[in-house]
Amino acid sequence: MTMTAEQLAQLREVAERAAWGNWQAYRPHKGARGYEVKNGVEAVAQHCLKHDACFIASANPKTVLALLDELERKDKRIAELEARTVTVKLPDVERWRSVDAVRAQNAYRVLVIKTLADAG
């Protein structure tokens, strides 16, 4: 699933408005029909399966905002990398002409990959 910038902004807005605190999944009592998620003494979700309650508690506002911040940092870094120009001086081909063709191609390929990796 790909999220649009508008969807990400809406998610950020909802997370910023949600109740902050220590969200915890728990079983309220032995006869309860499921698990609950609480924030302090307030219920955030009720009658959940255990794994759903644990997920909801983990996907609290602080965590969602941290994920959105990390996504923005990565998008910015990707844009920076895509915008830059890298000039690479490739190794001299003439140096490899004395070796048989297959070995020369493989050796040259390794040198090009190393040169590109060194250039970042």
N, C-alpha and C. Protein backbone atom coordinates (compact mmCIF):
# COMPACT_ATOMS: atom_id res chain seq x y z
N MET A 1 0.84 -1.18 0.00
CA MET A 1 0.00 0.00 0.00
C MET A 1 0.88 1.24 0.00
N THR A 2 0.59 2.14 -0.87
CA THR A 2 1.30 3.40 -0.93
C THR A 2 0.40 4.49 -0.34
N MET A 3 0.96 5.29 0.54
CA MET A 3 0.19 6.37 1.15
C MET A 3 0.56 7.69 0.49
N THR A 4 -0.45 8.50 0.24
CA THR A 4 -0.22 9.82 -0.35
C THR A 4 0.27 10.78 0.73
N ALA A 5 0.79 11.91 0.30
CA ALA A 5 1.24 12.93 1.25
C ALA A 5 0.07 13.40 2.11
N GLU A 6 -1.10 13.48 1.51
CA GLU A 6 -2.30 13.89 2.26
C GLU A 6 -2.65 12.87 3.34
N GLN A 7 -2.58 11.59 3.01
CA GLN A 7 -2.87 10.54 3.99
C GLN A 7 -1.86 10.56 5.14
N LEU A 8 -0.59 10.78 4.81
CA LEU A 8 0.44 10.86 5.85
C LEU A 8 0.20 12.07 6.75
N ALA A 9 -0.20 13.20 6.16
CA ALA A 9 -0.49 14.40 6.94
C ALA A 9 -1.69 14.17 7.85
N GLN A 10 -2.70 13.48 7.35
CA GLN A 10 -3.87 13.17 8.17
C GLN A 10 -3.50 12.25 9.32
N LEU A 11 -2.66 11.27 9.06
CA LEU A 11 -2.21 10.36 10.11
C LEU A 11 -1.44 11.12 11.18
N ARG A 12 -0.58 12.04 10.76
CA ARG A 12 0.18 12.86 11.72
C ARG A 12 -0.78 13.69 12.57
N GLU A 13 -1.76 14.29 11.93
CA GLU A 13 -2.72 15.13 12.65
C GLU A 13 -3.50 14.30 13.69
N VAL A 14 -3.95 13.13 13.30
CA VAL A 14 -4.69 12.27 14.21
C VAL A 14 -3.80 11.82 15.38
N ALA A 15 -2.56 11.47 15.08
CA ALA A 15 -1.64 11.03 16.13
C ALA A 15 -1.33 12.17 17.10
N GLU A 16 -1.22 13.39 16.59
CA GLU A 16 -0.93 14.53 17.46
C GLU A 16 -2.12 14.84 18.38
N ARG A 17 -3.34 14.56 17.92
CA ARG A 17 -4.53 14.84 18.73
C ARG A 17 -4.86 13.71 19.70
N ALA A 18 -4.35 12.52 19.46
CA ALA A 18 -4.67 11.36 20.31
C ALA A 18 -4.06 11.52 21.70
N ALA A 19 -4.62 10.78 22.64
CA ALA A 19 -4.16 10.83 24.03
C ALA A 19 -2.75 10.25 24.15
N TRP A 20 -1.85 11.05 24.69
CA TRP A 20 -0.48 10.60 24.91
C TRP A 20 -0.40 9.93 26.26
N GLY A 21 0.52 9.04 26.41
CA GLY A 21 0.71 8.38 27.69
C GLY A 21 1.27 6.99 27.50
N ASN A 22 1.09 6.19 28.51
CA ASN A 22 1.63 4.83 28.53
C ASN A 22 0.52 3.85 28.14
N TRP A 23 0.39 3.57 26.86
CA TRP A 23 -0.65 2.66 26.38
C TRP A 23 -0.22 1.23 26.72
N GLN A 24 -1.14 0.47 27.32
CA GLN A 24 -0.84 -0.90 27.73
C GLN A 24 -1.98 -1.83 27.38
N ALA A 25 -1.64 -3.02 26.91
CA ALA A 25 -2.63 -4.06 26.67
C ALA A 25 -2.73 -4.90 27.94
N TYR A 26 -3.96 -5.24 28.32
CA TYR A 26 -4.13 -6.04 29.53
C TYR A 26 -5.48 -6.76 29.48
N ARG A 27 -5.62 -7.76 30.30
CA ARG A 27 -6.89 -8.46 30.46
C ARG A 27 -7.51 -7.93 31.74
N PRO A 28 -8.66 -7.26 31.65
CA PRO A 28 -9.22 -6.57 32.81
C PRO A 28 -9.58 -7.48 33.98
N HIS A 29 -10.07 -8.67 33.71
CA HIS A 29 -10.37 -9.63 34.78
C HIS A 29 -10.52 -11.01 34.15
N LYS A 30 -10.52 -12.02 34.98
CA LYS A 30 -10.51 -13.40 34.50
C LYS A 30 -11.70 -13.73 33.60
N GLY A 31 -12.87 -13.18 33.86
CA GLY A 31 -14.05 -13.49 33.06
C GLY A 31 -14.26 -12.56 31.88
N ALA A 32 -13.32 -11.68 31.61
CA ALA A 32 -13.46 -10.70 30.52
C ALA A 32 -13.52 -11.40 29.17
N ARG A 33 -14.24 -10.79 28.23
CA ARG A 33 -14.41 -11.37 26.90
C ARG A 33 -13.24 -11.06 25.97
N GLY A 34 -12.26 -10.43 26.45
CA GLY A 34 -11.10 -10.12 25.63
C GLY A 34 -10.16 -9.20 26.37
N TYR A 35 -9.24 -8.66 25.61
CA TYR A 35 -8.23 -7.75 26.17
C TYR A 35 -8.65 -6.31 25.94
N GLU A 36 -8.04 -5.43 26.68
CA GLU A 36 -8.27 -4.00 26.53
C GLU A 36 -6.94 -3.29 26.40
N VAL A 37 -7.01 -2.07 25.91
CA VAL A 37 -5.84 -1.20 25.87
C VAL A 37 -6.20 0.01 26.70
N LYS A 38 -5.32 0.33 27.61
CA LYS A 38 -5.58 1.49 28.46
C LYS A 38 -4.44 2.49 28.36
N ASN A 39 -4.80 3.73 28.64
CA ASN A 39 -3.83 4.82 28.75
C ASN A 39 -4.09 5.41 30.12
N GLY A 40 -3.24 5.05 31.05
CA GLY A 40 -3.51 5.42 32.44
C GLY A 40 -4.70 4.61 32.92
N VAL A 41 -5.78 5.30 33.30
CA VAL A 41 -6.99 4.60 33.75
C VAL A 41 -8.08 4.60 32.68
N GLU A 42 -7.84 5.28 31.56
CA GLU A 42 -8.84 5.36 30.49
C GLU A 42 -8.66 4.24 29.47
N ALA A 43 -9.78 3.66 29.07
CA ALA A 43 -9.74 2.61 28.05
C ALA A 43 -9.58 3.25 26.67
N VAL A 44 -8.65 2.71 25.90
CA VAL A 44 -8.45 3.16 24.52
C VAL A 44 -9.18 2.21 23.57
N ALA A 45 -9.17 0.92 23.89
CA ALA A 45 -9.85 -0.10 23.10
C ALA A 45 -10.31 -1.21 24.04
N GLN A 46 -11.44 -1.82 23.69
CA GLN A 46 -11.99 -2.88 24.54
C GLN A 46 -12.39 -4.08 23.70
N HIS A 47 -12.48 -5.24 24.37
CA HIS A 47 -12.94 -6.48 23.76
C HIS A 47 -12.11 -6.86 22.53
N CYS A 48 -10.80 -6.82 22.68
CA CYS A 48 -9.88 -7.15 21.59
C CYS A 48 -9.26 -8.51 21.82
N LEU A 49 -8.83 -9.13 20.75
CA LEU A 49 -7.97 -10.31 20.88
C LEU A 49 -6.63 -9.84 21.43
N LYS A 50 -5.92 -10.73 22.08
CA LYS A 50 -4.67 -10.35 22.74
C LYS A 50 -3.68 -9.72 21.75
N HIS A 51 -3.47 -10.36 20.60
CA HIS A 51 -2.48 -9.83 19.65
C HIS A 51 -2.92 -8.48 19.08
N ASP A 52 -4.22 -8.25 18.93
CA ASP A 52 -4.71 -6.95 18.46
C ASP A 52 -4.49 -5.88 19.52
N ALA A 53 -4.77 -6.22 20.77
CA ALA A 53 -4.56 -5.27 21.87
C ALA A 53 -3.08 -4.89 21.98
N CYS A 54 -2.21 -5.86 21.83
CA CYS A 54 -0.76 -5.59 21.88
C CYS A 54 -0.34 -4.67 20.73
N PHE A 55 -0.91 -4.91 19.55
CA PHE A 55 -0.60 -4.05 18.40
C PHE A 55 -1.09 -2.63 18.64
N ILE A 56 -2.33 -2.48 19.09
CA ILE A 56 -2.89 -1.16 19.33
C ILE A 56 -2.04 -0.40 20.35
N ALA A 57 -1.66 -1.09 21.42
CA ALA A 57 -0.83 -0.44 22.45
C ALA A 57 0.53 -0.03 21.88
N SER A 58 1.08 -0.84 20.99
CA SER A 58 2.38 -0.52 20.40
C SER A 58 2.28 0.61 19.38
N ALA A 59 1.13 0.73 18.71
CA ALA A 59 0.94 1.77 17.70
C ALA A 59 0.36 3.03 18.35
N ASN A 60 0.96 3.43 19.42
CA ASN A 60 0.50 4.62 20.15
C ASN A 60 0.96 5.89 19.42
N PRO A 61 0.42 7.06 19.81
CA PRO A 61 0.76 8.30 19.10
C PRO A 61 2.26 8.58 19.01
N LYS A 62 2.98 8.34 20.09
CA LYS A 62 4.43 8.60 20.09
C LYS A 62 5.14 7.75 19.04
N THR A 63 4.76 6.47 18.95
CA THR A 63 5.37 5.57 17.98
C THR A 63 5.02 5.95 16.55
N VAL A 64 3.76 6.29 16.31
CA VAL A 64 3.33 6.67 14.96
C VAL A 64 4.06 7.93 14.51
N LEU A 65 4.18 8.92 15.40
CA LEU A 65 4.88 10.15 15.03
C LEU A 65 6.36 9.89 14.77
N ALA A 66 6.96 9.00 15.55
CA ALA A 66 8.37 8.65 15.32
C ALA A 66 8.54 7.98 13.96
N LEU A 67 7.61 7.10 13.59
CA LEU A 67 7.68 6.45 12.28
C LEU A 67 7.51 7.46 11.15
N LEU A 68 6.58 8.39 11.31
CA LEU A 68 6.38 9.42 10.29
C LEU A 68 7.61 10.32 10.16
N ASP A 69 8.24 10.67 11.28
CA ASP A 69 9.47 11.47 11.24
C ASP A 69 10.59 10.72 10.51
N GLU A 70 10.71 9.43 10.81
CA GLU A 70 11.74 8.62 10.17
C GLU A 70 11.48 8.51 8.66
N LEU A 71 10.23 8.35 8.29
CA LEU A 71 9.87 8.29 6.88
C LEU A 71 10.22 9.59 6.16
N GLU A 72 9.94 10.72 6.80
CA GLU A 72 10.30 12.01 6.21
C GLU A 72 11.81 12.15 6.04
N ARG A 73 12.58 11.73 7.06
CA ARG A 73 14.05 11.79 6.97
C ARG A 73 14.55 10.94 5.80
N LYS A 74 14.00 9.74 5.67
CA LYS A 74 14.44 8.85 4.58
C LYS A 74 14.04 9.41 3.21
N ASP A 75 12.83 9.96 3.10
CA ASP A 75 12.41 10.56 1.83
C ASP A 75 13.33 11.73 1.45
N LYS A 76 13.69 12.54 2.44
CA LYS A 76 14.58 13.67 2.19
C LYS A 76 15.96 13.18 1.73
N ARG A 77 16.46 12.13 2.38
CA ARG A 77 17.78 11.59 2.01
C ARG A 77 17.74 10.99 0.61
N ILE A 78 16.68 10.29 0.28
CA ILE A 78 16.54 9.73 -1.06
C ILE A 78 16.53 10.84 -2.10
N ALA A 79 15.79 11.91 -1.83
CA ALA A 79 15.74 13.05 -2.76
C ALA A 79 17.12 13.67 -2.94
N GLU A 80 17.87 13.79 -1.84
CA GLU A 80 19.23 14.33 -1.93
C GLU A 80 20.11 13.45 -2.79
N LEU A 81 20.04 12.14 -2.59
CA LEU A 81 20.87 11.22 -3.36
C LEU A 81 20.48 11.21 -4.84
N GLU A 82 19.18 11.28 -5.11
CA GLU A 82 18.74 11.29 -6.51
C GLU A 82 19.10 12.59 -7.22
N ALA A 83 19.21 13.67 -6.47
CA ALA A 83 19.49 14.98 -7.08
C ALA A 83 20.98 15.19 -7.35
N ARG A 84 21.83 14.45 -6.68
CA ARG A 84 23.26 14.71 -6.84
C ARG A 84 23.81 14.06 -8.11
N THR A 85 24.91 14.61 -8.57
CA THR A 85 25.61 14.09 -9.73
C THR A 85 26.93 13.51 -9.26
N VAL A 86 27.19 12.30 -9.67
CA VAL A 86 28.46 11.65 -9.31
C VAL A 86 29.29 11.49 -10.57
N THR A 87 30.51 11.99 -10.52
CA THR A 87 31.44 11.83 -11.64
C THR A 87 32.47 10.80 -11.22
N VAL A 88 32.61 9.79 -12.04
CA VAL A 88 33.51 8.69 -11.71
C VAL A 88 34.53 8.53 -12.82
N LYS A 89 35.79 8.43 -12.44
CA LYS A 89 36.84 8.16 -13.43
C LYS A 89 37.00 6.65 -13.47
N LEU A 90 36.62 6.06 -14.58
CA LEU A 90 36.69 4.61 -14.72
C LEU A 90 38.13 4.16 -14.94
N PRO A 91 38.43 2.94 -14.54
CA PRO A 91 39.78 2.40 -14.74
C PRO A 91 40.14 2.32 -16.22
N ASP A 92 41.42 2.36 -16.50
CA ASP A 92 41.93 2.33 -17.87
C ASP A 92 41.73 0.94 -18.48
N VAL A 93 41.00 0.89 -19.60
CA VAL A 93 40.71 -0.37 -20.28
C VAL A 93 41.98 -0.97 -20.90
N GLU A 94 42.85 -0.16 -21.40
CA GLU A 94 44.06 -0.64 -22.09
C GLU A 94 44.89 -1.55 -21.18
N ARG A 95 44.84 -1.31 -19.91
CA ARG A 95 45.61 -2.12 -18.95
C ARG A 95 45.16 -3.58 -18.97
N TRP A 96 43.92 -3.84 -19.36
CA TRP A 96 43.37 -5.19 -19.29
C TRP A 96 43.36 -5.92 -20.64
N ARG A 97 43.88 -5.32 -21.68
CA ARG A 97 43.84 -5.95 -23.01
C ARG A 97 44.73 -7.18 -23.11
N SER A 98 45.75 -7.29 -22.31
CA SER A 98 46.66 -8.43 -22.39
C SER A 98 46.07 -9.71 -21.78
N VAL A 99 45.04 -9.58 -21.01
CA VAL A 99 44.40 -10.74 -20.37
C VAL A 99 43.30 -11.23 -21.31
N ASP A 100 42.96 -12.52 -21.22
CA ASP A 100 41.91 -13.02 -22.12
C ASP A 100 40.60 -12.26 -21.88
N ALA A 101 39.74 -12.25 -22.87
CA ALA A 101 38.55 -11.39 -22.90
C ALA A 101 37.61 -11.60 -21.72
N VAL A 102 37.31 -12.83 -21.36
CA VAL A 102 36.36 -13.09 -20.27
C VAL A 102 36.92 -12.62 -18.94
N ARG A 103 38.17 -12.98 -18.68
CA ARG A 103 38.80 -12.54 -17.43
C ARG A 103 38.90 -11.03 -17.39
N ALA A 104 39.18 -10.42 -18.52
CA ALA A 104 39.29 -8.97 -18.58
C ALA A 104 37.96 -8.31 -18.28
N GLN A 105 36.88 -8.84 -18.85
CA GLN A 105 35.56 -8.27 -18.58
C GLN A 105 35.20 -8.39 -17.10
N ASN A 106 35.45 -9.55 -16.51
CA ASN A 106 35.14 -9.75 -15.10
C ASN A 106 35.98 -8.84 -14.21
N ALA A 107 37.24 -8.75 -14.49
CA ALA A 107 38.12 -7.89 -13.70
C ALA A 107 37.71 -6.43 -13.83
N TYR A 108 37.38 -6.03 -15.06
CA TYR A 108 36.95 -4.65 -15.29
C TYR A 108 35.64 -4.37 -14.55
N ARG A 109 34.71 -5.33 -14.59
CA ARG A 109 33.43 -5.18 -13.89
C ARG A 109 33.66 -4.99 -12.39
N VAL A 110 34.55 -5.77 -11.82
CA VAL A 110 34.86 -5.65 -10.39
C VAL A 110 35.44 -4.27 -10.09
N LEU A 111 36.34 -3.80 -10.95
CA LEU A 111 36.93 -2.47 -10.75
C LEU A 111 35.88 -1.36 -10.85
N VAL A 112 34.97 -1.48 -11.80
CA VAL A 112 33.93 -0.46 -11.95
C VAL A 112 33.03 -0.44 -10.72
N ILE A 113 32.62 -1.61 -10.25
CA ILE A 113 31.78 -1.70 -9.06
C ILE A 113 32.49 -1.10 -7.86
N LYS A 114 33.76 -1.42 -7.69
CA LYS A 114 34.54 -0.86 -6.57
C LYS A 114 34.66 0.66 -6.69
N THR A 115 34.92 1.14 -7.91
CA THR A 115 35.05 2.57 -8.13
C THR A 115 33.75 3.29 -7.81
N LEU A 116 32.62 2.72 -8.25
CA LEU A 116 31.31 3.32 -7.96
C LEU A 116 31.01 3.29 -6.47
N ALA A 117 31.35 2.19 -5.81
CA ALA A 117 31.12 2.08 -4.37
C ALA A 117 31.96 3.11 -3.61
N ASP A 118 33.21 3.29 -4.04
CA ASP A 118 34.08 4.27 -3.39
C ASP A 118 33.57 5.70 -3.59
N ALA A 119 32.90 5.93 -4.73
CA ALA A 119 32.39 7.28 -5.02
C ALA A 119 31.12 7.59 -4.21
N GLY A 120 30.50 6.55 -3.66
CA GLY A 120 29.30 6.76 -2.84
C GLY A 120 28.09 6.75 -3.67
